[in-house]
Protein backbone atom coordinates (compact mmCIF):
# COMPACT_ATOMS: atom_id res chain seq x y z
CA MET A 1 35.90 0.69 -17.79
CA ASN A 2 35.87 3.55 -15.29
CA LEU A 3 33.46 1.98 -12.80
CA GLU A 4 32.74 5.12 -10.82
CA GLN A 5 32.01 7.13 -13.95
CA ALA A 6 29.77 4.34 -15.25
CA ARG A 7 27.93 4.23 -11.90
CA PHE A 8 27.51 8.02 -11.94
CA ASN A 9 26.16 7.89 -15.50
CA MET A 10 23.73 5.12 -14.55
CA ILE A 11 22.31 7.20 -11.72
CA GLU A 12 22.19 10.50 -13.61
CA GLN A 13 21.08 9.28 -17.04
CA GLN A 14 18.86 6.28 -16.24
CA ILE A 15 17.62 6.53 -12.68
CA ARG A 16 17.00 10.23 -11.99
CA PRO A 17 14.95 10.65 -15.20
CA TRP A 18 12.67 7.88 -13.93
CA ASN A 19 11.55 10.11 -11.04
CA VAL A 20 13.91 8.52 -8.53
CA LEU A 21 14.83 11.63 -6.59
CA ASP A 22 15.06 10.34 -3.00
CA VAL A 23 18.56 11.34 -1.93
CA SER A 24 18.89 8.35 0.42
CA VAL A 25 18.07 5.94 -2.43
CA LEU A 26 20.53 7.61 -4.80
CA SER A 27 23.24 7.53 -2.13
CA LEU A 28 22.61 3.83 -1.53
CA LEU A 29 22.91 3.08 -5.24
CA SER A 30 26.29 4.80 -5.16
CA ALA A 31 27.43 2.79 -2.14
CA VAL A 32 26.26 -0.76 -2.98
CA ARG A 33 28.48 -2.02 -5.77
CA ARG A 34 26.14 -3.38 -8.43
CA GLU A 35 29.05 -4.87 -10.38
CA ASP A 36 29.76 -7.23 -7.44
CA PHE A 37 26.37 -8.90 -8.00
CA VAL A 38 26.59 -9.37 -11.78
CA PRO A 39 27.76 -12.72 -13.24
CA ALA A 40 31.41 -12.51 -14.31
CA GLN A 41 30.60 -13.02 -18.00
CA HIS A 42 28.28 -10.00 -17.96
CA GLN A 43 30.44 -7.55 -15.98
CA SER A 44 30.45 -5.10 -18.89
CA LEU A 45 26.64 -4.84 -18.59
CA ALA A 46 26.57 -3.94 -14.89
CA PHE A 47 25.44 -0.35 -15.48
CA VAL A 48 23.52 -0.78 -18.75
CA ASP A 49 19.78 -0.03 -18.94
CA MET A 50 18.69 -3.65 -19.43
CA GLU A 51 17.96 -6.89 -17.60
CA ILE A 52 21.07 -9.04 -17.09
CA PRO A 53 20.82 -12.83 -17.65
CA LEU A 54 21.14 -15.12 -14.62
CA ALA A 55 20.99 -18.88 -14.13
CA GLY A 56 17.68 -20.69 -14.52
CA GLY A 57 16.35 -18.32 -17.17
CA GLN A 58 16.06 -15.47 -14.67
CA ASN A 59 17.37 -11.90 -14.93
CA MET A 60 18.53 -9.02 -12.80
CA LEU A 61 16.05 -6.16 -13.12
CA ALA A 62 17.12 -3.08 -15.04
CA PRO A 63 18.78 -0.50 -12.73
CA ARG A 64 16.00 2.10 -13.12
CA VAL A 65 13.35 -0.48 -12.23
CA GLU A 66 15.25 -1.59 -9.11
CA ALA A 67 15.70 2.01 -8.03
CA ARG A 68 12.08 3.01 -8.59
CA VAL A 69 10.78 -0.01 -6.65
CA LEU A 70 13.20 0.71 -3.81
CA GLN A 71 12.01 4.31 -3.63
CA GLU A 72 8.31 3.41 -3.71
CA LEU A 73 8.61 0.75 -0.99
CA ALA A 74 10.17 3.33 1.38
CA VAL A 75 11.57 0.64 3.71
CA ARG A 76 12.35 1.82 7.24
CA LYS A 77 15.03 0.60 9.63
CA HIS A 78 12.66 -1.31 11.95
CA GLU A 79 10.91 -3.20 9.14
CA ASP A 80 11.13 -6.86 8.11
CA VAL A 81 11.18 -7.64 4.41
CA LEU A 82 10.30 -10.69 2.31
CA GLU A 83 11.66 -10.83 -1.24
CA VAL A 84 10.38 -13.38 -3.75
CA GLY A 85 13.05 -13.97 -6.37
CA ALA A 86 16.55 -13.59 -4.89
CA GLY A 87 18.31 -13.52 -8.25
CA SER A 88 21.86 -12.27 -7.73
CA GLY A 89 21.14 -10.91 -4.25
CA TYR A 90 21.51 -7.27 -5.34
CA MET A 91 17.94 -6.18 -4.58
CA ALA A 92 18.14 -8.00 -1.23
CA ALA A 93 21.31 -6.05 -0.44
CA LEU A 94 19.57 -2.75 -1.19
CA LEU A 95 16.56 -3.73 0.92
CA ALA A 96 18.82 -4.91 3.75
CA HIS A 97 20.59 -1.56 3.96
CA ARG A 98 17.24 0.13 4.53
CA GLY A 99 15.39 -2.48 6.63
CA ARG A 100 15.95 -4.61 9.74
CA GLN A 101 15.93 -8.11 8.30
CA VAL A 102 15.40 -9.54 4.81
CA THR A 103 14.34 -13.06 3.86
CA THR A 104 14.84 -13.67 0.15
CA LEU A 105 13.54 -16.76 -1.64
CA ASP A 106 14.56 -18.41 -4.89
CA ILE A 107 13.58 -21.72 -6.44
CA VAL A 108 16.78 -22.00 -8.56
CA PRO A 109 19.59 -23.65 -6.52
CA GLU A 110 22.34 -21.94 -8.53
CA LEU A 111 20.86 -18.53 -7.74
CA VAL A 112 20.52 -19.34 -4.04
CA ALA A 113 24.25 -20.13 -3.93
CA PHE A 114 25.13 -17.10 -6.08
CA ALA A 115 23.10 -14.69 -3.95
CA ARG A 116 24.54 -16.07 -0.69
CA ASP A 117 28.09 -15.70 -1.98
CA ASN A 118 27.53 -12.18 -3.29
CA LEU A 119 25.91 -11.00 -0.07
CA SER A 120 28.63 -12.57 2.06
CA ARG A 121 31.45 -11.03 0.00
CA ASN A 122 29.82 -7.62 0.32
CA GLY A 123 29.40 -7.86 4.10
CA VAL A 124 25.58 -7.96 4.11
CA THR A 125 24.67 -9.91 7.26
CA ASN A 126 20.95 -9.25 7.73
CA VAL A 127 19.70 -11.35 4.79
CA ASP A 128 18.59 -14.99 4.87
CA VAL A 129 18.64 -16.64 1.43
CA VAL A 130 16.25 -19.60 1.27
CA GLU A 131 15.69 -22.12 -1.52
CA ALA A 132 11.92 -22.00 -1.83
CA SER A 133 9.06 -20.70 -3.94
CA GLY A 134 7.16 -17.72 -2.63
CA ALA A 135 4.12 -18.20 -4.84
CA GLN A 136 1.97 -19.15 -1.88
CA GLY A 137 3.72 -17.04 0.70
CA TRP A 138 6.44 -18.09 3.08
CA GLY A 139 6.06 -19.40 6.64
CA ASP A 140 3.50 -18.05 9.07
CA GLY A 141 4.93 -14.60 9.74
CA LEU A 142 3.73 -11.19 8.64
CA TYR A 143 5.98 -8.69 6.88
CA ASP A 144 6.19 -4.93 6.69
CA VAL A 145 7.39 -5.12 3.10
CA ILE A 146 7.15 -7.78 0.38
CA CYS A 147 9.10 -7.29 -2.84
CA VAL A 148 8.42 -9.61 -5.78
CA SER A 149 11.43 -9.32 -8.09
CA GLY A 150 9.81 -11.01 -11.08
CA SER A 151 6.46 -10.98 -12.81
CA VAL A 152 3.34 -13.02 -12.05
CA PRO A 153 0.07 -13.44 -14.00
CA ALA A 154 -2.00 -12.11 -11.09
CA VAL A 155 -1.45 -11.01 -7.49
CA PRO A 156 -1.19 -14.09 -5.21
CA GLU A 157 -3.67 -13.75 -2.36
CA ALA A 158 -1.27 -15.59 -0.03
CA LEU A 159 1.25 -12.75 -0.28
CA LEU A 160 -1.37 -10.13 0.43
CA LYS A 161 -2.34 -11.97 3.60
CA GLN A 162 1.27 -11.88 4.82
CA LEU A 163 1.37 -8.09 4.84
CA LYS A 164 1.04 -6.32 8.15
CA VAL A 165 -1.49 -3.51 8.26
CA GLY A 166 0.41 -0.60 6.79
CA GLY A 167 2.66 -3.00 4.90
CA ARG A 168 3.55 -2.60 1.23
CA LEU A 169 3.85 -5.13 -1.59
CA SER A 170 5.65 -4.33 -4.85
CA ILE A 171 4.85 -6.66 -7.72
CA PHE A 172 4.85 -6.86 -11.53
CA VAL A 173 1.51 -8.14 -12.78
CA GLY A 174 0.39 -9.37 -16.18
CA GLY A 175 1.81 -10.98 -19.31
CA ALA A 176 3.87 -10.03 -22.33
CA PRO A 177 4.33 -7.61 -23.89
CA VAL A 178 3.43 -5.13 -21.13
CA MET A 179 3.07 -5.61 -17.39
CA GLU A 180 2.03 -3.23 -14.64
CA ALA A 181 4.32 -2.46 -11.72
CA GLN A 182 2.05 -2.11 -8.70
CA LEU A 183 2.44 -0.97 -5.10
CA ILE A 184 -0.23 -2.52 -2.88
CA THR A 185 -0.71 -1.23 0.68
CA ARG A 186 -2.69 -3.07 3.32
CA ILE A 187 -4.79 -0.40 4.99
CA SER A 188 -6.81 -2.68 7.30
CA ASN A 189 -7.39 -6.36 7.98
CA THR A 190 -9.71 -6.54 4.99
CA GLU A 191 -8.76 -3.60 2.75
CA TYR A 192 -5.93 -3.04 0.29
CA GLN A 193 -5.03 -0.02 -1.80
CA THR A 194 -3.37 -0.50 -5.19
CA ARG A 195 -1.33 2.10 -7.02
CA ASN A 196 -0.08 1.51 -10.56
CA LEU A 197 3.49 2.79 -10.82
CA PHE A 198 4.59 2.22 -14.42
CA GLU A 199 4.36 -0.19 -17.33
CA THR A 200 7.29 -2.46 -18.13
CA TYR A 201 8.26 -6.01 -19.02
CA VAL A 202 9.89 -8.19 -16.36
CA THR A 203 10.95 -11.83 -16.67
CA PRO A 204 8.33 -14.14 -15.10
CA LEU A 205 9.29 -15.91 -11.89
CA VAL A 206 10.18 -19.59 -12.21
CA GLY A 207 7.59 -22.08 -10.97
CA ILE A 208 4.77 -19.61 -10.38
CA PRO A 209 1.37 -21.17 -11.10
CA VAL A 210 -1.47 -19.00 -12.31
CA PRO A 211 -3.14 -17.96 -9.02
CA SER A 212 -6.75 -16.96 -8.57
CA GLN A 213 -7.04 -13.20 -8.94
CA PHE A 214 -7.54 -11.47 -5.60
CA ARG A 215 -10.51 -9.14 -5.83
CA PHE A 216 -10.58 -5.86 -3.90
């Protein structure tokens, strides 16, 4: 396989047509080697428009979904990021290149080890990989950006409360066969603004209970 041609085709044929036109995002997708984060047995699928199987019944998001979420979150260099669902560590690597510090959580021990190894081998030093569930938030801190890299039945209120004012949460909400990708922005201490981005299907996060629906 010609990796660079495959990467170019992924960007031009999958990602650009999905309204991912931010030059900085496209450049980052060219620079961060997606194939380095794919399980060895699925290397041939690194640039294919599909989810890639991971340990614990989880999956890497499809490339166009990763890219669109990255663009919509618009992470800035001074911002701290929480990711729920570390997976292979690829999304954390993308977020880390744009933000100040990333904390990524996963409940599957094999994925925690896999993500740590992938990030270390690729020289990404501003990511902490933690074995934990993020269903009810994480710690006591507030974040500029929260990225949920799996689907949930409803938006957990605990995650909303961990957004700083002006902070953004990306999340996939609903059940099969179709879920809504949402970008939620905290506009004040008590107000949130939700924008529906696109419909898709994303593998549910492991160990996520059905939370009470937060009402705006």
